[in-house]
């Protein structure tokens, strides 16, 4: 039975003009009320990367989140492994780090998380996606297209050729750095060590371009992003961040300047709006979405919820997609523009990078 809430949710999404993106890159009117496409650039269903640790909420949490994705009409998402998960702790004010990996430990952590996500994928309404057309398959089957990503390049252990291993495992996006100081480059929340990308990081960027893997510069410092942009031959993403406001805000160290955002847009890439506790409310999250659109343009904004890995989020359920769509239109976006933000921009970049 379709409930009144579900009907209103579908109507809001359809009103936003969320539609399958034709090969020409233009947006068509929906063929039917539910013919839309939406995408989350960064999510951790059930915080699956913590399985086996005391803080893990259990497999049911991952099933619940992916089921909510389907019920909220999310088409696809990057399900992100966390390379430095064994070395970080989420506190009420943010993330703190503990120690560093010994030789080979990061690779073993990657293997553990990869096996975990492969196992839970069998129990949820999703499938592992590896190509752009899998978004259309997800629409046909009523499932979520789960593209694998890895947050942090620790597993590479100084070897750029290991990018090939990630790709062979079905991983389609690598976020170069996370919270633990990285051999690839500098990050936002730690004192600089390399002045941007390291020589190793530069080799990884070139390898990712050659492999057709999507480069994610979330958590990277301005200087690191600047160096990536100077090297990349393909669009990049910044999967989850937000424009700077007061420095006193929660997670303010993870916000980016206008100049930082424009670097990503320069490549033709997309920035995922991050509905973390940096936002005072969902309404302010909508305002912040429009602020970013005003800076980088409508073609370079998407959604990166950080679901189940976020701190004090204002977007807690994928049933809020319809609210976001309708509120953006209330802020002056057209139906076609709302469609780009909710999924069309990401579909374009996936098509250009991973094929």
C-alpha atoms as a PDB file:
ATOM      1  CA  UNK A   1       0.000   0.000   0.000  1.00  0.00           C
ATOM      2  CA  UNK A   2       1.286   3.499  -0.828  1.00  0.00           C
ATOM      3  CA  UNK A   3       0.974   5.724   2.234  1.00  0.00           C
ATOM      4  CA  UNK A   4       0.114   9.425   2.052  1.00  0.00           C
ATOM      5  CA  UNK A   5       3.681  10.262   3.162  1.00  0.00           C
ATOM      6  CA  UNK A   6       5.159   8.079   0.412  1.00  0.00           C
ATOM      7  CA  UNK A   7       2.835   9.678  -2.136  1.00  0.00           C
ATOM      8  CA  UNK A   8       3.913  13.163  -1.063  1.00  0.00           C
ATOM      9  CA  UNK A   9       7.574  12.094  -1.119  1.00  0.00           C
ATOM     10  CA  UNK A  10       7.255  10.787  -4.683  1.00  0.00           C
ATOM     11  CA  UNK A  11       5.377  13.897  -5.734  1.00  0.00           C
ATOM     12  CA  UNK A  12       8.097  16.198  -4.409  1.00  0.00           C
ATOM     13  CA  UNK A  13      10.809  14.245  -6.164  1.00  0.00           C
ATOM     14  CA  UNK A  14       8.839  14.201  -9.391  1.00  0.00           C
ATOM     15  CA  UNK A  15       8.137  17.896  -9.050  1.00  0.00           C
ATOM     16  CA  UNK A  16      11.891  18.475  -8.810  1.00  0.00           C
ATOM     17  CA  UNK A  17      12.148  16.991 -12.294  1.00  0.00           C
ATOM     18  CA  UNK A  18      14.415  14.174 -11.182  1.00  0.00           C
ATOM     19  CA  UNK A  19      14.811  12.158 -14.333  1.00  0.00           C
ATOM     20  CA  UNK A  20      17.008   9.781 -16.255  1.00  0.00           C
ATOM     21  CA  UNK A  21      19.741  11.735 -17.961  1.00  0.00           C
ATOM     22  CA  UNK A  22      19.682  11.267 -21.743  1.00  0.00           C
ATOM     23  CA  UNK A  23      22.926  10.685 -23.641  1.00  0.00           C
ATOM     24  CA  UNK A  24      22.922  14.301 -24.817  1.00  0.00           C
ATOM     25  CA  UNK A  25      23.368  15.523 -21.226  1.00  0.00           C
ATOM     26  CA  UNK A  26      20.066  17.432 -21.229  1.00  0.00           C
ATOM     27  CA  UNK A  27      17.297  16.692 -18.752  1.00  0.00           C
ATOM     28  CA  UNK A  28      14.066  15.207 -20.022  1.00  0.00           C
ATOM     29  CA  UNK A  29      10.734  15.459 -18.313  1.00  0.00           C
ATOM     30  CA  UNK A  30      10.001  12.326 -16.238  1.00  0.00           C
ATOM     31  CA  UNK A  31       8.281   9.634 -18.270  1.00  0.00           C
ATOM     32  CA  UNK A  32       6.383   8.711 -15.109  1.00  0.00           C
ATOM     33  CA  UNK A  33       6.145  10.207 -11.595  1.00  0.00           C
ATOM     34  CA  UNK A  34       8.937   8.018 -10.149  1.00  0.00           C
ATOM     35  CA  UNK A  35      11.375   8.309 -13.074  1.00  0.00           C
ATOM     36  CA  UNK A  36      14.126  10.234 -11.298  1.00  0.00           C
ATOM     37  CA  UNK A  37      17.748   9.739 -10.367  1.00  0.00           C
ATOM     38  CA  UNK A  38      19.409  10.643  -7.077  1.00  0.00           C
ATOM     39  CA  UNK A  39      22.881   9.926  -5.705  1.00  0.00           C
ATOM     40  CA  UNK A  40      24.793  10.094  -2.415  1.00  0.00           C
ATOM     41  CA  UNK A  41      28.515  10.701  -2.908  1.00  0.00           C
ATOM     42  CA  UNK A  42      29.536   9.435   0.533  1.00  0.00           C
ATOM     43  CA  UNK A  43      27.835   6.987   2.892  1.00  0.00           C
ATOM     44  CA  UNK A  44      28.697   4.237   5.405  1.00  0.00           C
ATOM     45  CA  UNK A  45      25.559   2.097   5.883  1.00  0.00           C
ATOM     46  CA  UNK A  46      25.440   0.863   9.461  1.00  0.00           C
ATOM     47  CA  UNK A  47      29.064   2.005   9.870  1.00  0.00           C
ATOM     48  CA  UNK A  48      29.953  -1.414   8.416  1.00  0.00           C
ATOM     49  CA  UNK A  49      33.656  -0.593   8.620  1.00  0.00           C
ATOM     50  CA  UNK A  50      33.404  -1.034  12.427  1.00  0.00           C
ATOM     51  CA  UNK A  51      32.223  -4.650  12.286  1.00  0.00           C
ATOM     52  CA  UNK A  52      34.064  -6.694  14.899  1.00  0.00           C
ATOM     53  CA  UNK A  53      34.598  -3.676  17.165  1.00  0.00           C
ATOM     54  CA  UNK A  54      32.626  -2.798  20.342  1.00  0.00           C
ATOM     55  CA  UNK A  55      31.072   0.297  18.732  1.00  0.00           C
ATOM     56  CA  UNK A  56      29.491  -1.735  15.888  1.00  0.00           C
ATOM     57  CA  UNK A  57      25.686  -1.550  16.093  1.00  0.00           C
ATOM     58  CA  UNK A  58      25.146  -4.901  14.363  1.00  0.00           C
ATOM     59  CA  UNK A  59      24.282  -6.049  10.856  1.00  0.00           C
ATOM     60  CA  UNK A  60      20.664  -4.950  11.237  1.00  0.00           C
ATOM     61  CA  UNK A  61      21.796  -1.302  11.215  1.00  0.00           C
ATOM     62  CA  UNK A  62      23.332  -1.683   7.750  1.00  0.00           C
ATOM     63  CA  UNK A  63      20.202  -3.429   6.455  1.00  0.00           C
ATOM     64  CA  UNK A  64      18.040  -0.659   7.922  1.00  0.00           C
ATOM     65  CA  UNK A  65      20.017   2.115   6.223  1.00  0.00           C
ATOM     66  CA  UNK A  66      20.088   0.470   2.794  1.00  0.00           C
ATOM     67  CA  UNK A  67      16.388  -0.315   3.052  1.00  0.00           C
ATOM     68  CA  UNK A  68      15.821   3.353   3.900  1.00  0.00           C
ATOM     69  CA  UNK A  69      17.824   4.296   0.806  1.00  0.00           C
ATOM     70  CA  UNK A  70      15.514   2.204  -1.344  1.00  0.00           C
ATOM     71  CA  UNK A  71      12.372   3.472   0.369  1.00  0.00           C
ATOM     72  CA  UNK A  72      13.611   7.061   0.058  1.00  0.00           C
ATOM     73  CA  UNK A  73      14.136   6.465  -3.670  1.00  0.00           C
ATOM     74  CA  UNK A  74      17.913   6.860  -3.696  1.00  0.00           C
ATOM     75  CA  UNK A  75      19.250   5.511  -6.996  1.00  0.00           C
ATOM     76  CA  UNK A  76      22.924   5.104  -6.182  1.00  0.00           C
ATOM     77  CA  UNK A  77      25.641   5.859  -3.650  1.00  0.00           C
ATOM     78  CA  UNK A  78      29.297   5.427  -2.872  1.00  0.00           C
ATOM     79  CA  UNK A  79      29.506   2.914  -0.017  1.00  0.00           C
ATOM     80  CA  UNK A  80      32.794   3.950   1.556  1.00  0.00           C
ATOM     81  CA  UNK A  81      35.344   1.786   3.306  1.00  0.00           C
ATOM     82  CA  UNK A  82      37.433   3.712   5.868  1.00  0.00           C
ATOM     83  CA  UNK A  83      41.138   3.017   5.442  1.00  0.00           C
ATOM     84  CA  UNK A  84      42.193   4.374   8.847  1.00  0.00           C
ATOM     85  CA  UNK A  85      39.159   3.066  10.782  1.00  0.00           C
ATOM     86  CA  UNK A  86      41.363   1.204  13.278  1.00  0.00           C
ATOM     87  CA  UNK A  87      43.176   4.431  14.155  1.00  0.00           C
ATOM     88  CA  UNK A  88      40.314   6.898  14.626  1.00  0.00           C
ATOM     89  CA  UNK A  89      37.625   7.580  17.212  1.00  0.00           C
ATOM     90  CA  UNK A  90      34.477   9.669  16.823  1.00  0.00           C
ATOM     91  CA  UNK A  91      34.003  11.965  19.848  1.00  0.00           C
ATOM     92  CA  UNK A  92      31.239  14.509  20.628  1.00  0.00           C
ATOM     93  CA  UNK A  93      33.370  17.275  19.069  1.00  0.00           C
ATOM     94  CA  UNK A  94      34.904  15.424  16.136  1.00  0.00           C
ATOM     95  CA  UNK A  95      37.414  12.718  15.242  1.00  0.00           C
ATOM     96  CA  UNK A  96      40.639  11.999  17.117  1.00  0.00           C
ATOM     97  CA  UNK A  97      43.427   9.725  15.850  1.00  0.00           C
ATOM     98  CA  UNK A  98      45.508   7.112  17.628  1.00  0.00           C
ATOM     99  CA  UNK A  99      48.919   5.905  16.419  1.00  0.00           C
ATOM    100  CA  UNK A 100      49.771   4.656  12.951  1.00  0.00           C
ATOM    101  CA  UNK A 101      49.748   1.404  11.010  1.00  0.00           C
ATOM    102  CA  UNK A 102      52.665  -1.011  11.016  1.00  0.00           C
ATOM    103  CA  UNK A 103      53.743  -2.460   7.665  1.00  0.00           C
ATOM    104  CA  UNK A 104      50.935  -4.543   6.143  1.00  0.00           C
ATOM    105  CA  UNK A 105      48.263  -3.599   8.706  1.00  0.00           C
ATOM    106  CA  UNK A 106      46.461  -1.156   6.415  1.00  0.00           C
ATOM    107  CA  UNK A 107      46.233  -3.794   3.690  1.00  0.00           C
ATOM    108  CA  UNK A 108      44.728  -6.291   6.141  1.00  0.00           C
ATOM    109  CA  UNK A 109      42.199  -3.691   7.308  1.00  0.00           C
ATOM    110  CA  UNK A 110      41.189  -3.037   3.704  1.00  0.00           C
ATOM    111  CA  UNK A 111      40.700  -6.763   3.070  1.00  0.00           C
ATOM    112  CA  UNK A 112      38.592  -7.104   6.229  1.00  0.00           C
ATOM    113  CA  UNK A 113      36.265  -4.255   5.273  1.00  0.00           C
ATOM    114  CA  UNK A 114      35.993  -5.418   1.673  1.00  0.00           C
ATOM    115  CA  UNK A 115      34.871  -8.856   2.867  1.00  0.00           C
ATOM    116  CA  UNK A 116      32.407  -7.242   5.267  1.00  0.00           C
ATOM    117  CA  UNK A 117      30.703  -5.143   2.603  1.00  0.00           C
ATOM    118  CA  UNK A 118      30.609  -8.100   0.192  1.00  0.00           C
ATOM    119  CA  UNK A 119      28.815 -10.195   2.821  1.00  0.00           C
ATOM    120  CA  UNK A 120      26.216  -7.618   3.812  1.00  0.00           C
ATOM    121  CA  UNK A 121      25.513  -6.767   0.162  1.00  0.00           C
ATOM    122  CA  UNK A 122      23.828 -10.179  -0.052  1.00  0.00           C
ATOM    123  CA  UNK A 123      21.305  -9.178   2.622  1.00  0.00           C
ATOM    124  CA  UNK A 124      20.230  -5.711   1.430  1.00  0.00           C
ATOM    125  CA  UNK A 125      18.227  -4.294  -1.514  1.00  0.00           C
ATOM    126  CA  UNK A 126      21.395  -3.213  -3.335  1.00  0.00           C
ATOM    127  CA  UNK A 127      24.008  -4.570  -5.709  1.00  0.00           C
ATOM    128  CA  UNK A 128      27.656  -3.720  -6.296  1.00  0.00           C
ATOM    129  CA  UNK A 129      27.794  -1.279  -9.191  1.00  0.00           C
ATOM    130  CA  UNK A 130      30.866  -0.716 -11.356  1.00  0.00           C
ATOM    131  CA  UNK A 131      29.666   1.271 -14.379  1.00  0.00           C
ATOM    132  CA  UNK A 132      27.435   4.279 -14.977  1.00  0.00           C
ATOM    133  CA  UNK A 133      24.669   2.285 -16.646  1.00  0.00           C
ATOM    134  CA  UNK A 134      24.158   0.446 -13.350  1.00  0.00           C
ATOM    135  CA  UNK A 135      22.144   3.485 -12.260  1.00  0.00           C
ATOM    136  CA  UNK A 136      19.535   2.616 -14.857  1.00  0.00           C
ATOM    137  CA  UNK A 137      19.604  -1.017 -13.732  1.00  0.00           C
ATOM    138  CA  UNK A 138      18.945   0.171 -10.169  1.00  0.00           C
ATOM    139  CA  UNK A 139      15.893   2.068 -11.362  1.00  0.00           C
ATOM    140  CA  UNK A 140      14.576  -0.953 -13.261  1.00  0.00           C
ATOM    141  CA  UNK A 141      15.094  -3.363 -10.353  1.00  0.00           C
ATOM    142  CA  UNK A 142      14.046  -1.061  -7.506  1.00  0.00           C
ATOM    143  CA  UNK A 143      17.404  -1.491  -5.795  1.00  0.00           C
ATOM    144  CA  UNK A 144      20.315   0.774  -4.848  1.00  0.00           C
ATOM    145  CA  UNK A 145      23.401   0.873  -7.073  1.00  0.00           C
ATOM    146  CA  UNK A 146      26.209   0.557  -4.509  1.00  0.00           C
ATOM    147  CA  UNK A 147      29.502   1.826  -5.914  1.00  0.00           C
ATOM    148  CA  UNK A 148      32.464   1.067  -3.662  1.00  0.00           C
ATOM    149  CA  UNK A 149      34.783   3.820  -2.470  1.00  0.00           C
ATOM    150  CA  UNK A 150      37.694   3.903  -0.042  1.00  0.00           C
ATOM    151  CA  UNK A 151      38.238   6.813   2.357  1.00  0.00           C
ATOM    152  CA  UNK A 152      42.008   7.198   2.617  1.00  0.00           C
ATOM    153  CA  UNK A 153      44.874   5.679   0.647  1.00  0.00           C
ATOM    154  CA  UNK A 154      46.675   3.961   3.523  1.00  0.00           C
ATOM    155  CA  UNK A 155      46.252   0.543   1.892  1.00  0.00           C
ATOM    156  CA  UNK A 156      48.486   1.572  -1.004  1.00  0.00           C
ATOM    157  CA  UNK A 157      51.579   1.383   1.247  1.00  0.00           C
ATOM    158  CA  UNK A 158      53.617   3.647  -1.011  1.00  0.00           C
ATOM    159  CA  UNK A 159      52.869   1.640  -4.176  1.00  0.00           C
ATOM    160  CA  UNK A 160      50.866   3.519  -6.866  1.00  0.00           C
ATOM    161  CA  UNK A 161      50.330   0.281  -8.780  1.00  0.00           C
ATOM    162  CA  UNK A 162      48.015  -0.914  -5.989  1.00  0.00           C
ATOM    163  CA  UNK A 163      45.396   1.381  -7.495  1.00  0.00           C
ATOM    164  CA  UNK A 164      44.982  -1.406 -10.035  1.00  0.00           C
ATOM    165  CA  UNK A 165      44.089  -3.800  -7.208  1.00  0.00           C
ATOM    166  CA  UNK A 166      41.399  -1.427  -5.942  1.00  0.00           C
ATOM    167  CA  UNK A 167      39.909  -1.232  -9.410  1.00  0.00           C
ATOM    168  CA  UNK A 168      39.988  -5.018  -9.821  1.00  0.00           C
ATOM    169  CA  UNK A 169      38.092  -5.318  -6.521  1.00  0.00           C
ATOM    170  CA  UNK A 170      35.344  -3.121  -7.944  1.00  0.00           C
ATOM    171  CA  UNK A 171      36.305   0.060  -6.083  1.00  0.00           C
ATOM    172  CA  UNK A 172      35.526   3.040  -8.298  1.00  0.00           C
ATOM    173  CA  UNK A 173      36.525   6.011  -6.126  1.00  0.00           C
ATOM    174  CA  UNK A 174      39.468   6.658  -3.829  1.00  0.00           C
ATOM    175  CA  UNK A 175      39.506   9.533  -1.350  1.00  0.00           C
ATOM    176  CA  UNK A 176      43.217  10.298  -1.129  1.00  0.00           C
ATOM    177  CA  UNK A 177      43.385  11.328   2.539  1.00  0.00           C
ATOM    178  CA  UNK A 178      41.244  11.052   5.663  1.00  0.00           C
ATOM    179  CA  UNK A 179      42.082  11.855   9.312  1.00  0.00           C
ATOM    180  CA  UNK A 180      45.404  10.081   9.903  1.00  0.00           C
ATOM    181  CA  UNK A 181      48.424  11.923   8.396  1.00  0.00           C
ATOM    182  CA  UNK A 182      48.952  10.505   4.921  1.00  0.00           C
ATOM    183  CA  UNK A 183      51.913   9.691   2.710  1.00  0.00           C
ATOM    184  CA  UNK A 184      49.863  10.937  -0.259  1.00  0.00           C
ATOM    185  CA  UNK A 185      49.401  14.550   0.784  1.00  0.00           C
ATOM    186  CA  UNK A 186      48.287  17.059   3.379  1.00  0.00           C
ATOM    187  CA  UNK A 187      44.853  17.090   4.983  1.00  0.00           C
ATOM    188  CA  UNK A 188      42.652  19.818   6.414  1.00  0.00           C
ATOM    189  CA  UNK A 189      42.815  18.716  10.044  1.00  0.00           C
ATOM    190  CA  UNK A 190      46.573  18.177  10.511  1.00  0.00           C
ATOM    191  CA  UNK A 191      49.682  20.289  10.199  1.00  0.00           C
ATOM    192  CA  UNK A 192      51.110  20.150   6.634  1.00  0.00           C
ATOM    193  CA  UNK A 193      53.898  17.676   5.920  1.00  0.00           C
ATOM    194  CA  UNK A 194      54.253  17.791   2.128  1.00  0.00           C
ATOM    195  CA  UNK A 195      53.190  21.270   1.022  1.00  0.00           C
ATOM    196  CA  UNK A 196      50.299  19.663  -0.874  1.00  0.00           C
ATOM    197  CA  UNK A 197      50.545  16.356  -2.749  1.00  0.00           C
ATOM    198  CA  UNK A 198      53.642  14.259  -2.126  1.00  0.00           C
ATOM    199  CA  UNK A 199      55.529  12.714  -5.075  1.00  0.00           C
ATOM    200  CA  UNK A 200      53.758   9.468  -4.169  1.00  0.00           C
ATOM    201  CA  UNK A 201      50.400  11.239  -4.210  1.00  0.00           C
ATOM    202  CA  UNK A 202      51.128  12.690  -7.633  1.00  0.00           C
ATOM    203  CA  UNK A 203      51.922   9.220  -8.957  1.00  0.00           C
ATOM    204  CA  UNK A 204      48.634   7.926  -7.518  1.00  0.00           C
ATOM    205  CA  UNK A 205      46.652  10.704  -9.216  1.00  0.00           C
ATOM    206  CA  UNK A 206      48.183   9.804 -12.578  1.00  0.00           C
ATOM    207  CA  UNK A 207      47.529   6.109 -11.981  1.00  0.00           C
ATOM    208  CA  UNK A 208      43.900   6.799 -11.080  1.00  0.00           C
ATOM    209  CA  UNK A 209      43.411   8.805 -14.264  1.00  0.00           C
ATOM    210  CA  UNK A 210      44.882   5.956 -16.298  1.00  0.00           C
ATOM    211  CA  UNK A 211      42.694   3.402 -14.508  1.00  0.00           C
ATOM    212  CA  UNK A 212      39.544   5.537 -14.850  1.00  0.00           C
ATOM    213  CA  UNK A 213      38.985   5.719 -11.108  1.00  0.00           C
ATOM    214  CA  UNK A 214      37.251   8.749  -9.611  1.00  0.00           C
ATOM    215  CA  UNK A 215      39.526  10.934  -7.462  1.00  0.00           C
ATOM    216  CA  UNK A 216      37.934  12.231  -4.245  1.00  0.00           C
ATOM    217  CA  UNK A 217      39.632  15.186  -2.520  1.00  0.00           C
ATOM    218  CA  UNK A 218      37.432  15.324   0.600  1.00  0.00           C
ATOM    219  CA  UNK A 219      39.497  16.056   3.740  1.00  0.00           C
ATOM    220  CA  UNK A 220      42.414  17.283   1.590  1.00  0.00           C
ATOM    221  CA  UNK A 221      44.021  20.667   2.238  1.00  0.00           C
ATOM    222  CA  UNK A 222      43.672  23.512  -0.257  1.00  0.00           C
ATOM    223  CA  UNK A 223      47.261  22.924  -1.386  1.00  0.00           C
ATOM    224  CA  UNK A 224      46.634  19.213  -1.948  1.00  0.00           C
ATOM    225  CA  UNK A 225      43.504  19.943  -4.000  1.00  0.00           C
ATOM    226  CA  UNK A 226      45.422  22.576  -5.970  1.00  0.00           C
ATOM    227  CA  UNK A 227      48.066  19.988  -6.868  1.00  0.00           C
ATOM    228  CA  UNK A 228      45.468  17.366  -7.823  1.00  0.00           C
ATOM    229  CA  UNK A 229      43.725  19.871 -10.104  1.00  0.00           C
ATOM    230  CA  UNK A 230      47.014  20.754 -11.780  1.00  0.00           C
ATOM    231  CA  UNK A 231      47.612  17.080 -12.624  1.00  0.00           C
ATOM    232  CA  UNK A 232      44.262  15.434 -13.282  1.00  0.00           C
ATOM    233  CA  UNK A 233      42.981  14.822 -16.786  1.00  0.00           C
ATOM    234  CA  UNK A 234      39.471  13.995 -15.529  1.00  0.00           C
ATOM    235  CA  UNK A 235      36.808  15.592 -13.311  1.00  0.00           C
ATOM    236  CA  UNK A 236      37.209  15.042  -9.570  1.00  0.00           C
ATOM    237  CA  UNK A 237      34.804  15.036  -6.643  1.00  0.00           C
ATOM    238  CA  UNK A 238      34.905  16.450  -3.148  1.00  0.00           C
ATOM    239  CA  UNK A 239      32.415  14.002  -1.723  1.00  0.00           C
ATOM    240  CA  UNK A 240      31.355  15.726   1.501  1.00  0.00           C
ATOM    241  CA  UNK A 241      32.027  19.265   2.646  1.00  0.00           C
ATOM    242  CA  UNK A 242      30.457  22.712   2.959  1.00  0.00           C
ATOM    243  CA  UNK A 243      31.389  26.367   2.533  1.00  0.00           C
ATOM    244  CA  UNK A 244      33.053  28.065   5.485  1.00  0.00           C
ATOM    245  CA  UNK A 245      31.063  30.114   7.986  1.00  0.00           C
ATOM    246  CA  UNK A 246      31.965  30.976  11.595  1.00  0.00           C
ATOM    247  CA  UNK A 247      35.091  29.247  12.872  1.00  0.00           C
ATOM    248  CA  UNK A 248      33.240  28.432  16.102  1.00  0.00           C
ATOM    249  CA  UNK A 249      30.913  25.979  14.349  1.00  0.00           C
ATOM    250  CA  UNK A 250      31.098  22.252  14.978  1.00  0.00           C
ATOM    251  CA  UNK A 251      33.438  20.616  12.412  1.00  0.00           C
ATOM    252  CA  UNK A 252      34.488  24.036  11.065  1.00  0.00           C
ATOM    253  CA  UNK A 253      37.936  22.643  10.229  1.00  0.00           C
ATOM    254  CA  UNK A 254      36.297  20.502   7.544  1.00  0.00           C
ATOM    255  CA  UNK A 255      34.627  23.404   5.751  1.00  0.00           C
ATOM    256  CA  UNK A 256      36.146  24.868   2.576  1.00  0.00           C
ATOM    257  CA  UNK A 257      36.708  28.333   1.157  1.00  0.00           C
ATOM    258  CA  UNK A 258      35.158  29.615  -2.071  1.00  0.00           C
ATOM    259  CA  UNK A 259      38.570  29.313  -3.736  1.00  0.00           C
ATOM    260  CA  UNK A 260      38.823  25.693  -2.591  1.00  0.00           C
ATOM    261  CA  UNK A 261      35.396  24.899  -4.024  1.00  0.00           C
ATOM    262  CA  UNK A 262      36.181  26.597  -7.331  1.00  0.00           C
ATOM    263  CA  UNK A 263      39.240  24.358  -7.787  1.00  0.00           C
ATOM    264  CA  UNK A 264      36.966  21.298  -7.889  1.00  0.00           C
ATOM    265  CA  UNK A 265      34.514  22.988 -10.241  1.00  0.00           C
ATOM    266  CA  UNK A 266      37.410  23.911 -12.555  1.00  0.00           C
ATOM    267  CA  UNK A 267      37.852  20.209 -13.392  1.00  0.00           C
ATOM    268  CA  UNK A 268      34.140  19.797 -14.193  1.00  0.00           C
ATOM    269  CA  UNK A 269      33.718  17.956 -10.916  1.00  0.00           C
ATOM    270  CA  UNK A 270      31.097  17.867  -8.153  1.00  0.00           C
ATOM    271  CA  UNK A 271      31.064  18.815  -4.454  1.00  0.00           C
ATOM    272  CA  UNK A 272      28.744  16.838  -2.190  1.00  0.00           C
ATOM    273  CA  UNK A 273      26.880  19.040   0.297  1.00  0.00           C
ATOM    274  CA  UNK A 274      27.537  17.679   3.794  1.00  0.00           C
ATOM    275  CA  UNK A 275      24.543  17.776   6.196  1.00  0.00           C
ATOM    276  CA  UNK A 276      26.676  17.425   9.330  1.00  0.00           C
ATOM    277  CA  UNK A 277      26.272  19.245  12.642  1.00  0.00           C
ATOM    278  CA  UNK A 278      28.081  22.179  11.028  1.00  0.00           C
ATOM    279  CA  UNK A 279      24.531  23.099   9.946  1.00  0.00           C
ATOM    280  CA  UNK A 280      22.248  24.432  12.675  1.00  0.00           C
ATOM    281  CA  UNK A 281      19.185  22.828  11.042  1.00  0.00           C
ATOM    282  CA  UNK A 282      17.900  21.163   7.893  1.00  0.00           C
ATOM    283  CA  UNK A 283      16.656  24.559   6.712  1.00  0.00           C
ATOM    284  CA  UNK A 284      20.168  25.952   7.036  1.00  0.00           C
ATOM    285  CA  UNK A 285      21.506  22.957   5.118  1.00  0.00           C
ATOM    286  CA  UNK A 286      19.212  23.978   2.255  1.00  0.00           C
ATOM    287  CA  UNK A 287      20.507  27.552   2.548  1.00  0.00           C
ATOM    288  CA  UNK A 288      24.077  26.273   2.458  1.00  0.00           C
ATOM    289  CA  UNK A 289      23.317  24.219  -0.646  1.00  0.00           C
ATOM    290  CA  UNK A 290      22.134  27.355  -2.412  1.00  0.00           C
ATOM    291  CA  UNK A 291      25.207  29.272  -1.195  1.00  0.00           C
ATOM    292  CA  UNK A 292      27.491  26.711  -2.812  1.00  0.00           C
ATOM    293  CA  UNK A 293      25.464  26.736  -6.038  1.00  0.00           C
ATOM    294  CA  UNK A 294      25.855  30.508  -6.158  1.00  0.00           C
ATOM    295  CA  UNK A 295      29.653  30.119  -5.894  1.00  0.00           C
ATOM    296  CA  UNK A 296      30.460  27.193  -8.207  1.00  0.00           C
ATOM    297  CA  UNK A 297      27.404  26.951 -10.442  1.00  0.00           C
ATOM    298  CA  UNK A 298      24.534  24.502 -10.733  1.00  0.00           C
ATOM    299  CA  UNK A 299      26.626  21.859 -12.571  1.00  0.00           C
ATOM    300  CA  UNK A 300      29.030  21.261  -9.682  1.00  0.00           C
ATOM    301  CA  UNK A 301      26.883  20.508  -6.620  1.00  0.00           C
ATOM    302  CA  UNK A 302      25.557  17.199  -5.291  1.00  0.00           C
ATOM    303  CA  UNK A 303      24.846  15.397  -2.008  1.00  0.00           C
ATOM    304  CA  UNK A 304      27.316  13.701   0.353  1.00  0.00           C
ATOM    305  CA  UNK A 305      25.458  12.686   3.511  1.00  0.00           C
ATOM    306  CA  UNK A 306      28.222  10.735   5.323  1.00  0.00           C
ATOM    307  CA  UNK A 307      25.262   8.657   6.544  1.00  0.00           C
ATOM    308  CA  UNK A 308      25.973   6.546   9.646  1.00  0.00           C
ATOM    309  CA  UNK A 309      29.419   8.144   9.956  1.00  0.00           C
ATOM    310  CA  UNK A 310      28.305  11.737  10.506  1.00  0.00           C
ATOM    311  CA  UNK A 311      28.310  13.891  13.646  1.00  0.00           C
ATOM    312  CA  UNK A 312      24.959  15.440  14.658  1.00  0.00           C
ATOM    313  CA  UNK A 313      23.537  15.245  11.118  1.00  0.00           C
ATOM    314  CA  UNK A 314      20.530  17.305   9.999  1.00  0.00           C
ATOM    315  CA  UNK A 315      19.791  14.805   7.207  1.00  0.00           C
ATOM    316  CA  UNK A 316      19.045  11.529   8.985  1.00  0.00           C
ATOM    317  CA  UNK A 317      16.761   9.681   6.554  1.00  0.00           C
ATOM    318  CA  UNK A 318      16.631   9.344   2.788  1.00  0.00           C
ATOM    319  CA  UNK A 319      12.941  10.200   2.980  1.00  0.00           C
ATOM    320  CA  UNK A 320      14.274  13.789   3.304  1.00  0.00           C
ATOM    321  CA  UNK A 321      15.360  13.772  -0.351  1.00  0.00           C
ATOM    322  CA  UNK A 322      11.945  15.047  -1.366  1.00  0.00           C
ATOM    323  CA  UNK A 323      12.092  17.825   1.224  1.00  0.00           C
ATOM    324  CA  UNK A 324      15.510  18.876  -0.080  1.00  0.00           C
ATOM    325  CA  UNK A 325      14.245  18.888  -3.666  1.00  0.00           C
ATOM    326  CA  UNK A 326      11.156  20.961  -2.922  1.00  0.00           C
ATOM    327  CA  UNK A 327      13.033  23.375  -0.635  1.00  0.00           C
ATOM    328  CA  UNK A 328      15.669  23.995  -3.304  1.00  0.00           C
ATOM    329  CA  UNK A 329      12.907  24.911  -5.717  1.00  0.00           C
ATOM    330  CA  UNK A 330      11.507  27.271  -3.095  1.00  0.00           C
ATOM    331  CA  UNK A 331      14.976  28.891  -3.130  1.00  0.00           C
ATOM    332  CA  UNK A 332      14.622  29.595  -6.852  1.00  0.00           C
ATOM    333  CA  UNK A 333      15.924  26.455  -8.591  1.00  0.00           C
ATOM    334  CA  UNK A 334      14.050  25.126 -11.590  1.00  0.00           C
ATOM    335  CA  UNK A 335      12.975  21.490 -11.801  1.00  0.00           C
ATOM    336  CA  UNK A 336      15.869  20.721 -14.162  1.00  0.00           C
ATOM    337  CA  UNK A 337      18.366  22.420 -11.821  1.00  0.00           C
ATOM    338  CA  UNK A 338      17.105  20.458  -8.814  1.00  0.00           C
ATOM    339  CA  UNK A 339      17.490  17.280 -10.868  1.00  0.00           C
ATOM    340  CA  UNK A 340      21.144  18.095 -11.522  1.00  0.00           C
ATOM    341  CA  UNK A 341      21.879  18.624  -7.830  1.00  0.00           C
ATOM    342  CA  UNK A 342      20.126  15.476  -6.638  1.00  0.00           C
ATOM    343  CA  UNK A 343      21.820  13.143  -9.101  1.00  0.00           C
ATOM    344  CA  UNK A 344      22.301  14.397 -12.636  1.00  0.00           C
ATOM    345  CA  UNK A 345      25.645  16.082 -11.993  1.00  0.00           C
ATOM    346  CA  UNK A 346      27.081  12.919 -10.469  1.00  0.00           C
ATOM    347  CA  UNK A 347      25.745  10.792 -13.321  1.00  0.00           C
ATOM    348  CA  UNK A 348      27.559  13.069 -15.770  1.00  0.00           C
ATOM    349  CA  UNK A 349      30.866  12.781 -13.896  1.00  0.00           C
ATOM    350  CA  UNK A 350      30.552   9.000 -13.528  1.00  0.00           C
ATOM    351  CA  UNK A 351      29.998   8.750 -17.257  1.00  0.00           C
ATOM    352  CA  UNK A 352      33.045  10.871 -17.997  1.00  0.00           C
ATOM    353  CA  UNK A 353      35.373   9.087 -15.562  1.00  0.00           C
ATOM    354  CA  UNK A 354      34.421   5.453 -14.991  1.00  0.00           C
ATOM    355  CA  UNK A 355      32.398   4.966 -18.174  1.00  0.00           C
END
